[in-house]
Amino acid sequence: MSESAEVHMGVSEARANLTEVIAKVRLLGDRVVLTRRDKPQAVLVSDAFYRQALEDRARLQSLEK
């Protein structure tokens, strides 16, 4: 699987271009770090990335038991 890009973007810019931002995340697998005053606030990731992260976390938690 190829490495997806991490893009930093202001919240206002993301809001103004939400359709395009969602397309980048969904189709290209990019991670979009939403910033306010150059400080990270949240990260948009694809559904597949999110679900894989949940599975990975569940596996790690089961190993800790």
Protein backbone atom coordinates (compact mmCIF):
# COMPACT_ATOMS: atom_id res chain seq x y z
CA MET A 1 0.00 0.00 0.00
CA SER A 2 1.43 3.39 -0.95
CA GLU A 3 2.10 6.07 1.62
CA SER A 4 -0.61 8.72 1.64
CA ALA A 5 0.14 12.39 2.13
CA GLU A 6 -0.44 14.43 5.26
CA VAL A 7 -1.80 17.85 4.40
CA HIS A 8 -2.08 20.71 6.91
CA MET A 9 -4.99 23.05 6.30
CA GLY A 10 -6.69 25.81 8.23
CA VAL A 11 -10.19 25.09 9.49
CA SER A 12 -11.60 28.03 7.50
CA GLU A 13 -9.95 26.86 4.29
CA ALA A 14 -11.23 23.32 4.83
CA ARG A 15 -14.75 24.62 5.47
CA ALA A 16 -14.67 26.66 2.27
CA ASN A 17 -13.48 23.64 0.23
CA LEU A 18 -15.11 20.79 2.11
CA THR A 19 -16.17 18.79 -0.96
CA GLU A 20 -12.62 18.80 -2.32
CA VAL A 21 -11.12 18.03 1.09
CA ILE A 22 -13.40 15.02 1.52
CA ALA A 23 -12.49 13.82 -1.98
CA LYS A 24 -8.76 14.02 -1.15
CA VAL A 25 -9.30 12.03 2.01
CA ARG A 26 -11.65 9.46 0.49
CA LEU A 27 -10.09 8.93 -2.94
CA LEU A 28 -6.40 9.62 -2.37
CA GLY A 29 -6.16 8.45 1.23
CA ASP A 30 -4.63 11.75 2.32
CA ARG A 31 -4.77 12.70 5.99
CA VAL A 32 -5.84 16.31 6.49
CA VAL A 33 -4.66 17.94 9.69
CA LEU A 34 -7.02 20.80 10.49
CA THR A 35 -5.26 23.71 12.12
CA ARG A 36 -6.23 26.92 13.85
CA ARG A 37 -3.47 29.49 14.24
CA ASP A 38 -1.00 26.84 13.03
CA LYS A 39 -1.91 24.48 15.88
CA PRO A 40 -3.39 21.05 15.04
CA GLN A 41 -7.04 20.73 16.09
CA ALA A 42 -8.27 17.54 14.40
CA VAL A 43 -7.40 15.10 11.64
CA LEU A 44 -9.64 13.93 8.80
CA VAL A 45 -8.92 10.37 7.66
CA SER A 46 -10.65 7.96 5.32
CA ASP A 47 -13.20 5.54 6.66
CA ALA A 48 -10.88 2.64 5.79
CA PHE A 49 -8.00 4.22 7.76
CA TYR A 50 -10.28 4.87 10.74
CA ARG A 51 -11.69 1.33 10.77
CA GLN A 52 -8.20 -0.16 10.52
CA ALA A 53 -7.07 2.01 13.44
CA LEU A 54 -10.01 0.73 15.52
CA GLU A 55 -9.13 -2.88 14.66
CA ASP A 56 -5.47 -2.30 15.50
CA ARG A 57 -6.40 -0.74 18.84
CA ALA A 58 -8.71 -3.65 19.68
CA ARG A 59 -5.91 -6.12 18.86
CA LEU A 60 -3.45 -4.28 21.07
CA GLN A 61 -5.93 -4.13 23.91
CA SER A 62 -6.56 -7.86 23.66
CA LEU A 63 -2.80 -8.53 23.81
CA GLU A 64 -2.51 -6.42 26.96
CA LYS A 65 -5.01 -8.61 28.83
